[in-house]
Amino acid sequence: MNIFEKVKNIGSELLNDVQKNDTPTPVTKSENVRTYTVKEGDTLSSIAKEFYHQPSQYMRIFEENKEQLTNPDNIAIGQVLRIPE
């Protein structure tokens, strides 16, 4: 497999992930759960830093959103994440 085929495969996987996440998962309103819409350049670590002041807390967000995330390094712009208190 040459580099172009690899890039094409990665692009297809990313497109599929974005299409799966086009419809945000409904969030049950709770006093202990906030939401955050992913923007360009965001990572779970940067989001954790914003909410918890510690980038290392990114796994809290990942665990809360496991039904829509398969890898903490793979989030999509526009995705709505639940942010636990």
PDB file of N, CA and C in Angstrom:
ATOM      1  N   MET A   1       0.855  -1.177   0.000  1.00  0.00           N
ATOM      2  CA  MET A   1       0.000   0.000   0.000  1.00  0.00           C
ATOM      3  C   MET A   1       0.901   1.240   0.000  1.00  0.00           C
ATOM      4  N   ASN A   2       0.695   2.116  -0.978  1.00  0.00           N
ATOM      5  CA  ASN A   2       1.526   3.319  -1.028  1.00  0.00           C
ATOM      6  C   ASN A   2       0.943   4.409  -0.127  1.00  0.00           C
ATOM      7  N   ILE A   3       1.659   5.478   0.017  1.00  0.00           N
ATOM      8  CA  ILE A   3       1.288   6.559   0.929  1.00  0.00           C
ATOM      9  C   ILE A   3      -0.050   7.186   0.550  1.00  0.00           C
ATOM     10  N   PHE A   4      -0.342   7.290  -0.745  1.00  0.00           N
ATOM     11  CA  PHE A   4      -1.593   7.897  -1.180  1.00  0.00           C
ATOM     12  C   PHE A   4      -2.789   7.037  -0.798  1.00  0.00           C
ATOM     13  N   GLU A   5      -2.637   5.728  -0.902  1.00  0.00           N
ATOM     14  CA  GLU A   5      -3.714   4.824  -0.488  1.00  0.00           C
ATOM     15  C   GLU A   5      -3.937   4.906   1.019  1.00  0.00           C
ATOM     16  N   LYS A   6      -2.837   5.029   1.779  1.00  0.00           N
ATOM     17  CA  LYS A   6      -2.965   5.165   3.228  1.00  0.00           C
ATOM     18  C   LYS A   6      -3.707   6.444   3.595  1.00  0.00           C
ATOM     19  N   VAL A   7      -3.352   7.550   2.944  1.00  0.00           N
ATOM     20  CA  VAL A   7      -4.019   8.833   3.208  1.00  0.00           C
ATOM     21  C   VAL A   7      -5.495   8.734   2.829  1.00  0.00           C
ATOM     22  N   LYS A   8      -5.789   8.107   1.696  1.00  0.00           N
ATOM     23  CA  LYS A   8      -7.173   7.937   1.265  1.00  0.00           C
ATOM     24  C   LYS A   8      -7.952   7.132   2.300  1.00  0.00           C
ATOM     25  N   ASN A   9      -7.363   6.064   2.823  1.00  0.00           N
ATOM     26  CA  ASN A   9      -8.029   5.244   3.831  1.00  0.00           C
ATOM     27  C   ASN A   9      -8.272   6.024   5.115  1.00  0.00           C
ATOM     28  N   ILE A  10      -7.278   6.796   5.533  1.00  0.00           N
ATOM     29  CA  ILE A  10      -7.436   7.607   6.742  1.00  0.00           C
ATOM     30  C   ILE A  10      -8.540   8.636   6.534  1.00  0.00           C
ATOM     31  N   GLY A  11      -8.555   9.280   5.368  1.00  0.00           N
ATOM     32  CA  GLY A  11      -9.607  10.257   5.058  1.00  0.00           C
ATOM     33  C   GLY A  11     -10.986   9.628   5.087  1.00  0.00           C
ATOM     34  N   SER A  12     -11.106   8.425   4.534  1.00  0.00           N
ATOM     35  CA  SER A  12     -12.390   7.727   4.541  1.00  0.00           C
ATOM     36  C   SER A  12     -12.835   7.413   5.963  1.00  0.00           C
ATOM     37  N   GLU A  13     -11.889   6.976   6.805  1.00  0.00           N
ATOM     38  CA  GLU A  13     -12.217   6.681   8.194  1.00  0.00           C
ATOM     39  C   GLU A  13     -12.676   7.939   8.925  1.00  0.00           C
ATOM     40  N   LEU A  14     -11.986   9.052   8.707  1.00  0.00           N
ATOM     41  CA  LEU A  14     -12.372  10.304   9.354  1.00  0.00           C
ATOM     42  C   LEU A  14     -13.746  10.765   8.892  1.00  0.00           C
ATOM     43  N   LEU A  15     -14.011  10.651   7.591  1.00  0.00           N
ATOM     44  CA  LEU A  15     -15.313  11.038   7.062  1.00  0.00           C
ATOM     45  C   LEU A  15     -16.407  10.181   7.674  1.00  0.00           C
ATOM     46  N   ASN A  16     -16.171   8.885   7.786  1.00  0.00           N
ATOM     47  CA  ASN A  16     -17.158   7.997   8.407  1.00  0.00           C
ATOM     48  C   ASN A  16     -17.403   8.391   9.850  1.00  0.00           C
ATOM     49  N   ASP A  17     -16.344   8.723  10.590  1.00  0.00           N
ATOM     50  CA  ASP A  17     -16.500   9.139  11.978  1.00  0.00           C
ATOM     51  C   ASP A  17     -17.315  10.420  12.075  1.00  0.00           C
ATOM     52  N   VAL A  18     -17.046  11.376  11.193  1.00  0.00           N
ATOM     53  CA  VAL A  18     -17.784  12.637  11.210  1.00  0.00           C
ATOM     54  C   VAL A  18     -19.247  12.383  10.875  1.00  0.00           C
ATOM     55  N   GLN A  19     -19.515  11.540   9.876  1.00  0.00           N
ATOM     56  CA  GLN A  19     -20.891  11.245   9.498  1.00  0.00           C
ATOM     57  C   GLN A  19     -21.628  10.551  10.639  1.00  0.00           C
ATOM     58  N   LYS A  20     -20.952   9.658  11.363  1.00  0.00           N
ATOM     59  CA  LYS A  20     -21.578   8.995  12.500  1.00  0.00           C
ATOM     60  C   LYS A  20     -21.932  10.001  13.578  1.00  0.00           C
ATOM     61  N   ASN A  21     -21.147  11.060  13.676  1.00  0.00           N
ATOM     62  CA  ASN A  21     -21.338  12.037  14.749  1.00  0.00           C
ATOM     63  C   ASN A  21     -22.081  13.285  14.299  1.00  0.00           C
ATOM     64  N   ASP A  22     -22.717  13.240  13.104  1.00  0.00           N
ATOM     65  CA  ASP A  22     -23.464  14.390  12.619  1.00  0.00           C
ATOM     66  C   ASP A  22     -24.615  14.748  13.549  1.00  0.00           C
ATOM     67  N   THR A  23     -25.275  13.750  14.104  1.00  0.00           N
ATOM     68  CA  THR A  23     -26.376  13.992  15.008  1.00  0.00           C
ATOM     69  C   THR A  23     -25.862  13.842  16.429  1.00  0.00           C
ATOM     70  N   PRO A  24     -25.844  14.939  17.175  1.00  0.00           N
ATOM     71  CA  PRO A  24     -25.324  14.843  18.534  1.00  0.00           C
ATOM     72  C   PRO A  24     -26.148  13.876  19.372  1.00  0.00           C
ATOM     73  N   THR A  25     -25.486  13.159  20.244  1.00  0.00           N
ATOM     74  CA  THR A  25     -26.171  12.287  21.179  1.00  0.00           C
ATOM     75  C   THR A  25     -26.976  13.136  22.135  1.00  0.00           C
ATOM     76  N   PRO A  26     -28.260  12.798  22.318  1.00  0.00           N
ATOM     77  CA  PRO A  26     -29.050  13.584  23.278  1.00  0.00           C
ATOM     78  C   PRO A  26     -28.408  13.535  24.658  1.00  0.00           C
ATOM     79  N   VAL A  27     -28.408  14.666  25.315  1.00  0.00           N
ATOM     80  CA  VAL A  27     -27.799  14.752  26.629  1.00  0.00           C
ATOM     81  C   VAL A  27     -28.902  14.925  27.658  1.00  0.00           C
ATOM     82  N   THR A  28     -28.902  14.059  28.653  1.00  0.00           N
ATOM     83  CA  THR A  28     -29.859  14.183  29.733  1.00  0.00           C
ATOM     84  C   THR A  28     -29.422  15.337  30.611  1.00  0.00           C
ATOM     85  N   LYS A  29     -30.344  16.239  30.854  1.00  0.00           N
ATOM     86  CA  LYS A  29     -30.000  17.390  31.688  1.00  0.00           C
ATOM     87  C   LYS A  29     -29.755  16.912  33.110  1.00  0.00           C
ATOM     88  N   SER A  30     -28.645  17.281  33.630  1.00  0.00           N
ATOM     89  CA  SER A  30     -28.262  16.921  34.983  1.00  0.00           C
ATOM     90  C   SER A  30     -27.439  18.060  35.550  1.00  0.00           C
ATOM     91  N   GLU A  31     -27.546  18.267  36.808  1.00  0.00           N
ATOM     92  CA  GLU A  31     -26.774  19.349  37.409  1.00  0.00           C
ATOM     93  C   GLU A  31     -25.285  19.037  37.432  1.00  0.00           C
ATOM     94  N   ASN A  32     -24.918  17.771  37.218  1.00  0.00           N
ATOM     95  CA  ASN A  32     -23.518  17.387  37.276  1.00  0.00           C
ATOM     96  C   ASN A  32     -22.878  17.199  35.912  1.00  0.00           C
ATOM     97  N   VAL A  33     -23.602  17.473  34.826  1.00  0.00           N
ATOM     98  CA  VAL A  33     -23.047  17.258  33.490  1.00  0.00           C
ATOM     99  C   VAL A  33     -23.221  18.516  32.650  1.00  0.00           C
ATOM    100  N   ARG A  34     -22.109  18.974  32.089  1.00  0.00           N
ATOM    101  CA  ARG A  34     -22.117  20.099  31.159  1.00  0.00           C
ATOM    102  C   ARG A  34     -21.831  19.544  29.782  1.00  0.00           C
ATOM    103  N   THR A  35     -22.016  20.359  28.752  1.00  0.00           N
ATOM    104  CA  THR A  35     -21.671  19.926  27.402  1.00  0.00           C
ATOM    105  C   THR A  35     -20.677  20.907  26.799  1.00  0.00           C
ATOM    106  N   TYR A  36     -19.959  20.409  25.794  1.00  0.00           N
ATOM    107  CA  TYR A  36     -18.979  21.223  25.081  1.00  0.00           C
ATOM    108  C   TYR A  36     -18.995  20.780  23.624  1.00  0.00           C
ATOM    109  N   THR A  37     -19.070  21.731  22.710  1.00  0.00           N
ATOM    110  CA  THR A  37     -19.018  21.435  21.282  1.00  0.00           C
ATOM    111  C   THR A  37     -17.586  21.605  20.800  1.00  0.00           C
ATOM    112  N   VAL A  38     -17.053  20.548  20.210  1.00  0.00           N
ATOM    113  CA  VAL A  38     -15.653  20.517  19.773  1.00  0.00           C
ATOM    114  C   VAL A  38     -15.426  21.520  18.645  1.00  0.00           C
ATOM    115  N   LYS A  39     -14.358  22.303  18.776  1.00  0.00           N
ATOM    116  CA  LYS A  39     -13.957  23.276  17.760  1.00  0.00           C
ATOM    117  C   LYS A  39     -12.652  22.840  17.113  1.00  0.00           C
ATOM    118  N   GLU A  40     -12.335  23.451  15.999  1.00  0.00           N
ATOM    119  CA  GLU A  40     -11.083  23.149  15.297  1.00  0.00           C
ATOM    120  C   GLU A  40      -9.900  23.367  16.246  1.00  0.00           C
ATOM    121  N   GLY A  41      -9.003  22.408  16.258  1.00  0.00           N
ATOM    122  CA  GLY A  41      -7.805  22.501  17.085  1.00  0.00           C
ATOM    123  C   GLY A  41      -7.964  21.918  18.479  1.00  0.00           C
ATOM    124  N   ASP A  42      -9.191  21.571  18.867  1.00  0.00           N
ATOM    125  CA  ASP A  42      -9.408  21.009  20.199  1.00  0.00           C
ATOM    126  C   ASP A  42      -8.850  19.594  20.314  1.00  0.00           C
ATOM    127  N   THR A  43      -8.427  19.261  21.508  1.00  0.00           N
ATOM    128  CA  THR A  43      -8.079  17.890  21.886  1.00  0.00           C
ATOM    129  C   THR A  43      -8.774  17.648  23.222  1.00  0.00           C
ATOM    130  N   LEU A  44      -8.893  16.390  23.609  1.00  0.00           N
ATOM    131  CA  LEU A  44      -9.485  16.133  24.921  1.00  0.00           C
ATOM    132  C   LEU A  44      -8.636  16.764  26.015  1.00  0.00           C
ATOM    133  N   SER A  45      -7.321  16.800  25.819  1.00  0.00           N
ATOM    134  CA  SER A  45      -6.445  17.427  26.812  1.00  0.00           C
ATOM    135  C   SER A  45      -6.697  18.930  26.920  1.00  0.00           C
ATOM    136  N   SER A  46      -6.879  19.591  25.783  1.00  0.00           N
ATOM    137  CA  SER A  46      -7.125  21.041  25.834  1.00  0.00           C
ATOM    138  C   SER A  46      -8.491  21.340  26.456  1.00  0.00           C
ATOM    139  N   ILE A  47      -9.461  20.478  26.199  1.00  0.00           N
ATOM    140  CA  ILE A  47     -10.785  20.660  26.802  1.00  0.00           C
ATOM    141  C   ILE A  47     -10.696  20.413  28.312  1.00  0.00           C
ATOM    142  N   ALA A  48      -9.962  19.366  28.709  1.00  0.00           N
ATOM    143  CA  ALA A  48      -9.777  19.086  30.133  1.00  0.00           C
ATOM    144  C   ALA A  48      -9.074  20.251  30.832  1.00  0.00           C
ATOM    145  N   LYS A  49      -8.102  20.848  30.156  1.00  0.00           N
ATOM    146  CA  LYS A  49      -7.405  21.990  30.745  1.00  0.00           C
ATOM    147  C   LYS A  49      -8.379  23.149  30.972  1.00  0.00           C
ATOM    148  N   GLU A  50      -9.281  23.368  30.000  1.00  0.00           N
ATOM    149  CA  GLU A  50     -10.252  24.455  30.110  1.00  0.00           C
ATOM    150  C   GLU A  50     -11.212  24.240  31.288  1.00  0.00           C
ATOM    151  N   PHE A  51     -11.691  23.005  31.456  1.00  0.00           N
ATOM    152  CA  PHE A  51     -12.692  22.741  32.483  1.00  0.00           C
ATOM    153  C   PHE A  51     -12.101  22.371  33.839  1.00  0.00           C
ATOM    154  N   TYR A  52     -10.988  21.642  33.839  1.00  0.00           N
ATOM    155  CA  TYR A  52     -10.422  21.127  35.091  1.00  0.00           C
ATOM    156  C   TYR A  52      -9.078  21.759  35.448  1.00  0.00           C
ATOM    157  N   HIS A  53      -8.543  22.583  34.554  1.00  0.00           N
ATOM    158  CA  HIS A  53      -7.230  23.216  34.751  1.00  0.00           C
ATOM    159  C   HIS A  53      -6.095  22.198  34.801  1.00  0.00           C
ATOM    160  N   GLN A  54      -6.371  20.989  34.295  1.00  0.00           N
ATOM    161  CA  GLN A  54      -5.363  19.929  34.249  1.00  0.00           C
ATOM    162  C   GLN A  54      -5.575  19.091  32.992  1.00  0.00           C
ATOM    163  N   PRO A  55      -4.708  19.232  31.992  1.00  0.00           N
ATOM    164  CA  PRO A  55      -4.856  18.453  30.761  1.00  0.00           C
ATOM    165  C   PRO A  55      -4.883  16.946  31.008  1.00  0.00           C
ATOM    166  N   SER A  56      -4.228  16.501  32.060  1.00  0.00           N
ATOM    167  CA  SER A  56      -4.166  15.067  32.349  1.00  0.00           C
ATOM    168  C   SER A  56      -5.520  14.473  32.721  1.00  0.00           C
ATOM    169  N   GLN A  57      -6.527  15.303  32.924  1.00  0.00           N
ATOM    170  CA  GLN A  57      -7.869  14.833  33.286  1.00  0.00           C
ATOM    171  C   GLN A  57      -8.719  14.474  32.058  1.00  0.00           C
ATOM    172  N   TYR A  58      -8.083  14.399  30.876  1.00  0.00           N
ATOM    173  CA  TYR A  58      -8.828  14.134  29.645  1.00  0.00           C
ATOM    174  C   TYR A  58      -9.586  12.813  29.676  1.00  0.00           C
ATOM    175  N   MET A  59      -9.111  11.833  30.440  1.00  0.00           N
ATOM    176  CA  MET A  59      -9.791  10.531  30.490  1.00  0.00           C
ATOM    177  C   MET A  59     -11.155  10.628  31.159  1.00  0.00           C
ATOM    178  N   ARG A  60     -11.373  11.602  32.017  1.00  0.00           N
ATOM    179  CA  ARG A  60     -12.704  11.804  32.610  1.00  0.00           C
ATOM    180  C   ARG A  60     -13.710  12.101  31.502  1.00  0.00           C
ATOM    181  N   ILE A  61     -13.303  12.940  30.558  1.00  0.00           N
ATOM    182  CA  ILE A  61     -14.181  13.302  29.443  1.00  0.00           C
ATOM    183  C   ILE A  61     -14.357  12.099  28.522  1.00  0.00           C
ATOM    184  N   PHE A  62     -13.256  11.406  28.232  1.00  0.00           N
ATOM    185  CA  PHE A  62     -13.334  10.224  27.367  1.00  0.00           C
ATOM    186  C   PHE A  62     -14.284   9.182  27.953  1.00  0.00           C
ATOM    187  N   GLU A  63     -14.143   8.875  29.222  1.00  0.00           N
ATOM    188  CA  GLU A  63     -14.997   7.866  29.871  1.00  0.00           C
ATOM    189  C   GLU A  63     -16.470   8.276  29.829  1.00  0.00           C
ATOM    190  N   GLU A  64     -16.746   9.542  30.009  1.00  0.00           N
ATOM    191  CA  GLU A  64     -18.129  10.041  29.999  1.00  0.00           C
ATOM    192  C   GLU A  64     -18.760   9.945  28.611  1.00  0.00           C
ATOM    193  N   ASN A  65     -17.924   9.895  27.573  1.00  0.00           N
ATOM    194  CA  ASN A  65     -18.416   9.931  26.189  1.00  0.00           C
ATOM    195  C   ASN A  65     -18.062   8.680  25.398  1.00  0.00           C
ATOM    196  N   LYS A  66     -17.852   7.566  26.080  1.00  0.00           N
ATOM    197  CA  LYS A  66     -17.404   6.339  25.414  1.00  0.00           C
ATOM    198  C   LYS A  66     -18.363   5.839  24.332  1.00  0.00           C
ATOM    199  N   GLU A  67     -19.651   6.149  24.456  1.00  0.00           N
ATOM    200  CA  GLU A  67     -20.598   5.668  23.440  1.00  0.00           C
ATOM    201  C   GLU A  67     -20.387   6.345  22.092  1.00  0.00           C
ATOM    202  N   GLN A  68     -19.725   7.498  22.079  1.00  0.00           N
ATOM    203  CA  GLN A  68     -19.464   8.169  20.806  1.00  0.00           C
ATOM    204  C   GLN A  68     -17.985   8.317  20.475  1.00  0.00           C
ATOM    205  N   LEU A  69     -17.110   7.970  21.404  1.00  0.00           N
ATOM    206  CA  LEU A  69     -15.668   8.037  21.165  1.00  0.00           C
ATOM    207  C   LEU A  69     -15.060   6.647  21.277  1.00  0.00           C
ATOM    208  N   THR A  70     -14.219   6.293  20.317  1.00  0.00           N
ATOM    209  CA  THR A  70     -13.535   5.003  20.386  1.00  0.00           C
ATOM    210  C   THR A  70     -12.058   5.176  20.720  1.00  0.00           C
ATOM    211  N   ASN A  71     -11.578   6.416  20.605  1.00  0.00           N
ATOM    212  CA  ASN A  71     -10.164   6.698  20.820  1.00  0.00           C
ATOM    213  C   ASN A  71     -10.056   8.129  21.351  1.00  0.00           C
ATOM    214  N   PRO A  72      -9.361   8.361  22.453  1.00  0.00           N
ATOM    215  CA  PRO A  72      -9.260   9.715  22.988  1.00  0.00           C
ATOM    216  C   PRO A  72      -8.551  10.693  22.057  1.00  0.00           C
ATOM    217  N   ASP A  73      -7.833  10.184  21.054  1.00  0.00           N
ATOM    218  CA  ASP A  73      -7.139  11.058  20.108  1.00  0.00           C
ATOM    219  C   ASP A  73      -7.982  11.369  18.880  1.00  0.00           C
ATOM    220  N   ASN A  74      -9.222  10.890  18.852  1.00  0.00           N
ATOM    221  CA  ASN A  74     -10.039  11.044  17.652  1.00  0.00           C
ATOM    222  C   ASN A  74     -11.375  11.687  18.002  1.00  0.00           C
ATOM    223  N   ILE A  75     -11.400  13.022  18.040  1.00  0.00           N
ATOM    224  CA  ILE A  75     -12.650  13.748  18.237  1.00  0.00           C
ATOM    225  C   ILE A  75     -12.905  14.571  16.983  1.00  0.00           C
ATOM    226  N   ALA A  76     -14.170  14.902  16.737  1.00  0.00           N
ATOM    227  CA  ALA A  76     -14.536  15.586  15.510  1.00  0.00           C
ATOM    228  C   ALA A  76     -15.109  16.969  15.793  1.00  0.00           C
ATOM    229  N   ILE A  77     -14.794  17.901  14.924  1.00  0.00           N
ATOM    230  CA  ILE A  77     -15.351  19.256  15.029  1.00  0.00           C
ATOM    231  C   ILE A  77     -16.868  19.146  14.999  1.00  0.00           C
ATOM    232  N   GLY A  78     -17.523  19.850  15.897  1.00  0.00           N
ATOM    233  CA  GLY A  78     -18.981  19.842  15.978  1.00  0.00           C
ATOM    234  C   GLY A  78     -19.547  18.785  16.903  1.00  0.00           C
ATOM    235  N   GLN A  79     -18.719  17.874  17.336  1.00  0.00           N
ATOM    236  CA  GLN A  79     -19.159  16.820  18.247  1.00  0.00           C
ATOM    237  C   GLN A  79     -19.520  17.455  19.596  1.00  0.00           C
ATOM    238  N   VAL A  80     -20.624  17.014  20.179  1.00  0.00           N
ATOM    239  CA  VAL A  80     -21.055  17.535  21.483  1.00  0.00           C
ATOM    240  C   VAL A  80     -20.656  16.522  22.544  1.00  0.00           C
ATOM    241  N   LEU A  81     -19.774  16.954  23.429  1.00  0.00           N
ATOM    242  CA  LEU A  81     -19.272  16.078  24.482  1.00  0.00           C
ATOM    243  C   LEU A  81     -19.874  16.453  25.821  1.00  0.00           C
ATOM    244  N   ARG A  82     -20.132  15.454  26.640  1.00  0.00           N
ATOM    245  CA  ARG A  82     -20.558  15.706  28.016  1.00  0.00           C
ATOM    246  C   ARG A  82     -19.305  15.892  28.873  1.00  0.00           C
ATOM    247  N   ILE A  83     -19.332  16.884  29.725  1.00  0.00           N
ATOM    248  CA  ILE A  83     -18.194  17.200  30.580  1.00  0.00           C
ATOM    249  C   ILE A  83     -18.646  16.998  32.030  1.00  0.00           C
ATOM    250  N   PRO A  84     -18.209  15.910  32.662  1.00  0.00           N
ATOM    251  CA  PRO A  84     -18.638  15.688  34.046  1.00  0.00           C
ATOM    252  C   PRO A  84     -18.028  16.717  34.987  1.00  0.00           C
ATOM    253  N   GLU A  85     -18.736  16.998  36.078  1.00  0.00           N
ATOM    254  CA  GLU A  85     -18.242  17.921  37.100  1.00  0.00           C
ATOM    255  C   GLU A  85     -17.009  17.355  37.755  1.00  0.00           C
TER     256      GLU A  85
END
